[in-house]
N, C-alpha and C. Protein backbone atom coordinates (compact mmCIF):
# COMPACT_ATOMS: atom_id res chain seq x y z
N MET A 1 79.11 111.80 79.27
CA MET A 1 79.59 110.94 80.35
C MET A 1 80.43 109.81 79.74
N ALA A 2 81.61 109.61 80.26
CA ALA A 2 82.51 108.57 79.75
C ALA A 2 82.03 107.20 80.18
N ARG A 3 82.16 106.25 79.26
CA ARG A 3 81.80 104.87 79.59
C ARG A 3 82.98 104.19 80.28
N GLU A 4 82.68 103.35 81.22
CA GLU A 4 83.71 102.60 81.94
C GLU A 4 84.22 101.47 81.06
N LEU A 5 85.53 101.40 80.86
CA LEU A 5 86.15 100.36 80.06
C LEU A 5 86.27 99.10 80.91
N VAL A 6 85.70 97.99 80.43
CA VAL A 6 85.71 96.74 81.18
C VAL A 6 86.50 95.70 80.40
N ASN A 7 87.43 95.05 81.08
CA ASN A 7 88.23 93.98 80.50
C ASN A 7 87.74 92.67 81.12
N GLU A 8 87.24 91.75 80.29
CA GLU A 8 86.77 90.47 80.79
C GLU A 8 87.87 89.43 80.69
N ILE A 9 88.08 88.70 81.77
CA ILE A 9 89.02 87.58 81.77
C ILE A 9 88.17 86.32 81.67
N VAL A 10 88.41 85.53 80.63
CA VAL A 10 87.56 84.38 80.33
C VAL A 10 88.32 83.07 80.45
N ALA A 11 87.55 81.98 80.62
CA ALA A 11 88.11 80.64 80.65
C ALA A 11 88.47 80.23 79.23
N GLU A 12 89.62 79.61 79.08
CA GLU A 12 90.05 79.17 77.76
C GLU A 12 89.72 77.70 77.51
N MET A 13 89.15 77.03 78.52
CA MET A 13 88.80 75.62 78.39
C MET A 13 87.77 75.25 79.45
N VAL A 14 87.17 74.08 79.30
CA VAL A 14 86.29 73.54 80.33
C VAL A 14 87.17 73.15 81.51
N ALA A 15 86.80 73.60 82.71
CA ALA A 15 87.64 73.33 83.88
C ALA A 15 86.85 73.52 85.16
N ASN A 16 87.42 73.05 86.26
CA ASN A 16 86.88 73.30 87.59
C ASN A 16 87.63 74.48 88.19
N VAL A 17 86.92 75.32 88.94
CA VAL A 17 87.55 76.44 89.62
C VAL A 17 88.09 75.92 90.96
N LEU A 18 89.42 75.95 91.12
CA LEU A 18 90.03 75.52 92.38
C LEU A 18 90.00 76.64 93.40
N SER A 19 90.36 77.86 92.96
CA SER A 19 90.35 78.99 93.89
C SER A 19 90.26 80.30 93.12
N VAL A 20 89.78 81.30 93.82
CA VAL A 20 89.70 82.67 93.28
C VAL A 20 90.61 83.53 94.15
N ALA A 21 91.55 84.23 93.50
CA ALA A 21 92.58 84.97 94.23
C ALA A 21 92.25 86.45 94.41
N VAL A 22 91.13 86.90 93.86
CA VAL A 22 90.78 88.32 93.92
C VAL A 22 89.33 88.50 94.37
N ALA A 23 89.03 89.73 94.78
CA ALA A 23 87.67 90.10 95.19
C ALA A 23 87.35 91.47 94.60
N PRO A 24 86.08 91.81 94.47
CA PRO A 24 85.74 93.14 93.96
C PRO A 24 86.45 94.24 94.74
N GLY A 25 87.01 95.20 93.99
CA GLY A 25 87.74 96.31 94.60
C GLY A 25 89.24 96.10 94.67
N ASP A 26 89.70 94.87 94.48
CA ASP A 26 91.14 94.60 94.52
C ASP A 26 91.84 95.21 93.31
N ALA A 27 93.04 95.72 93.52
CA ALA A 27 93.88 96.19 92.41
C ALA A 27 94.65 94.98 91.88
N VAL A 28 94.73 94.88 90.55
CA VAL A 28 95.40 93.76 89.90
C VAL A 28 96.45 94.32 88.95
N ALA A 29 97.64 93.75 88.98
CA ALA A 29 98.71 94.13 88.05
C ALA A 29 98.75 93.12 86.91
N ALA A 30 99.24 93.54 85.77
CA ALA A 30 99.43 92.61 84.66
C ALA A 30 100.35 91.49 85.14
N GLY A 31 99.95 90.25 84.89
CA GLY A 31 100.73 89.10 85.32
C GLY A 31 100.26 88.46 86.61
N ASP A 32 99.34 89.11 87.32
CA ASP A 32 98.80 88.53 88.56
C ASP A 32 97.86 87.37 88.24
N THR A 33 97.90 86.33 89.06
CA THR A 33 96.94 85.24 88.96
C THR A 33 95.64 85.68 89.60
N VAL A 34 94.53 85.54 88.86
CA VAL A 34 93.22 85.94 89.40
C VAL A 34 92.37 84.73 89.77
N VAL A 35 92.53 83.63 89.04
CA VAL A 35 91.76 82.41 89.29
C VAL A 35 92.68 81.23 89.02
N LEU A 36 92.51 80.16 89.79
CA LEU A 36 93.24 78.92 89.55
C LEU A 36 92.23 77.86 89.11
N LEU A 37 92.44 77.34 87.90
CA LEU A 37 91.56 76.31 87.35
C LEU A 37 92.24 74.96 87.41
N GLU A 38 91.43 73.90 87.29
CA GLU A 38 91.95 72.53 87.23
C GLU A 38 91.25 71.83 86.08
N SER A 39 92.06 71.22 85.21
CA SER A 39 91.52 70.45 84.09
C SER A 39 92.44 69.27 83.85
N MET A 40 91.87 68.09 83.77
CA MET A 40 92.63 66.86 83.52
C MET A 40 93.79 66.72 84.52
N LYS A 41 93.51 67.01 85.78
CA LYS A 41 94.45 66.90 86.90
C LYS A 41 95.63 67.85 86.81
N MET A 42 95.50 68.90 85.99
CA MET A 42 96.53 69.92 85.89
C MET A 42 95.98 71.24 86.41
N GLU A 43 96.79 71.97 87.18
CA GLU A 43 96.40 73.29 87.67
C GLU A 43 96.80 74.33 86.63
N ILE A 44 95.84 75.20 86.28
CA ILE A 44 96.06 76.22 85.27
C ILE A 44 95.78 77.60 85.88
N PRO A 45 96.84 78.40 86.11
CA PRO A 45 96.59 79.76 86.61
C PRO A 45 96.05 80.64 85.49
N VAL A 46 95.03 81.43 85.81
CA VAL A 46 94.49 82.40 84.85
C VAL A 46 95.07 83.75 85.24
N ILE A 47 95.77 84.37 84.31
CA ILE A 47 96.58 85.56 84.55
C ILE A 47 95.90 86.81 83.97
N ALA A 48 95.96 87.91 84.70
CA ALA A 48 95.48 89.19 84.17
C ALA A 48 96.49 89.70 83.14
N GLU A 49 96.00 90.03 81.95
CA GLU A 49 96.89 90.55 80.91
C GLU A 49 97.11 92.05 81.05
N HIS A 50 96.18 92.73 81.72
CA HIS A 50 96.25 94.18 81.88
C HIS A 50 96.03 94.55 83.34
N PRO A 51 96.60 95.64 83.81
CA PRO A 51 96.32 96.08 85.18
C PRO A 51 94.91 96.66 85.27
N GLY A 52 94.37 96.66 86.47
CA GLY A 52 93.05 97.25 86.68
C GLY A 52 92.53 96.98 88.07
N THR A 53 91.27 97.29 88.26
CA THR A 53 90.58 97.05 89.52
C THR A 53 89.47 96.04 89.27
N VAL A 54 89.35 95.06 90.16
CA VAL A 54 88.33 94.03 89.99
C VAL A 54 86.96 94.66 90.16
N ARG A 55 86.16 94.57 89.11
CA ARG A 55 84.78 95.07 89.13
C ARG A 55 83.83 93.99 89.63
N ALA A 56 84.04 92.75 89.15
CA ALA A 56 83.16 91.65 89.54
C ALA A 56 83.90 90.32 89.39
N VAL A 57 83.57 89.39 90.28
CA VAL A 57 84.06 88.01 90.19
C VAL A 57 82.83 87.17 89.87
N LYS A 58 82.87 86.46 88.76
CA LYS A 58 81.71 85.74 88.25
C LYS A 58 81.70 84.26 88.61
N VAL A 59 82.75 83.77 89.29
CA VAL A 59 82.85 82.36 89.66
C VAL A 59 83.25 82.21 91.11
N ALA A 60 83.10 80.99 91.62
CA ALA A 60 83.51 80.66 92.99
C ALA A 60 84.20 79.30 92.97
N SER A 61 84.96 79.01 94.00
CA SER A 61 85.60 77.71 94.12
C SER A 61 84.56 76.61 94.00
N GLY A 62 84.89 75.59 93.22
CA GLY A 62 83.97 74.47 93.04
C GLY A 62 83.11 74.58 91.79
N ASP A 63 83.03 75.76 91.18
CA ASP A 63 82.26 75.93 89.95
C ASP A 63 82.93 75.19 88.80
N VAL A 64 82.13 74.79 87.82
CA VAL A 64 82.63 74.25 86.57
C VAL A 64 82.39 75.32 85.52
N VAL A 65 83.43 75.67 84.76
CA VAL A 65 83.31 76.70 83.74
C VAL A 65 83.49 76.10 82.36
N GLN A 66 82.88 76.74 81.39
CA GLN A 66 82.98 76.33 79.99
C GLN A 66 83.91 77.29 79.27
N GLU A 67 84.45 76.88 78.15
CA GLU A 67 85.29 77.75 77.34
C GLU A 67 84.53 79.02 77.00
N GLY A 68 85.14 80.17 77.27
CA GLY A 68 84.52 81.47 76.98
C GLY A 68 83.74 82.08 78.12
N ASP A 69 83.52 81.33 79.20
CA ASP A 69 82.82 81.89 80.36
C ASP A 69 83.65 83.01 80.98
N VAL A 70 82.98 84.09 81.38
CA VAL A 70 83.66 85.20 82.05
C VAL A 70 83.96 84.80 83.49
N LEU A 71 85.23 84.94 83.89
CA LEU A 71 85.65 84.62 85.24
C LEU A 71 85.69 85.87 86.12
N VAL A 72 86.33 86.93 85.58
CA VAL A 72 86.55 88.16 86.33
C VAL A 72 86.40 89.33 85.38
N GLU A 73 85.81 90.43 85.86
CA GLU A 73 85.75 91.68 85.11
C GLU A 73 86.66 92.70 85.78
N LEU A 74 87.51 93.35 84.98
CA LEU A 74 88.39 94.41 85.47
C LEU A 74 88.02 95.74 84.84
N THR A 75 88.22 96.82 85.57
CA THR A 75 88.09 98.16 85.02
C THR A 75 89.43 98.85 85.12
N GLY A 76 89.59 99.87 84.29
CA GLY A 76 90.82 100.64 84.39
C GLY A 76 91.73 100.49 83.23
């Protein structure tokens, strides 16, 4: 049985989650914004580097994330 390949999109800094642009089951293209973070009054879009399907969203608007926290899991 083949294992499902999962691509984790992680936070690169401590930040607040302003919005989540995807939901489980959504198709994502490389370059799509999946989460919008805010740090030091700057908005930082988190971009999918690879295409795939959203397997799980690990954050919600209003959450505080730490560097390395998983934001979204993609398959495909």
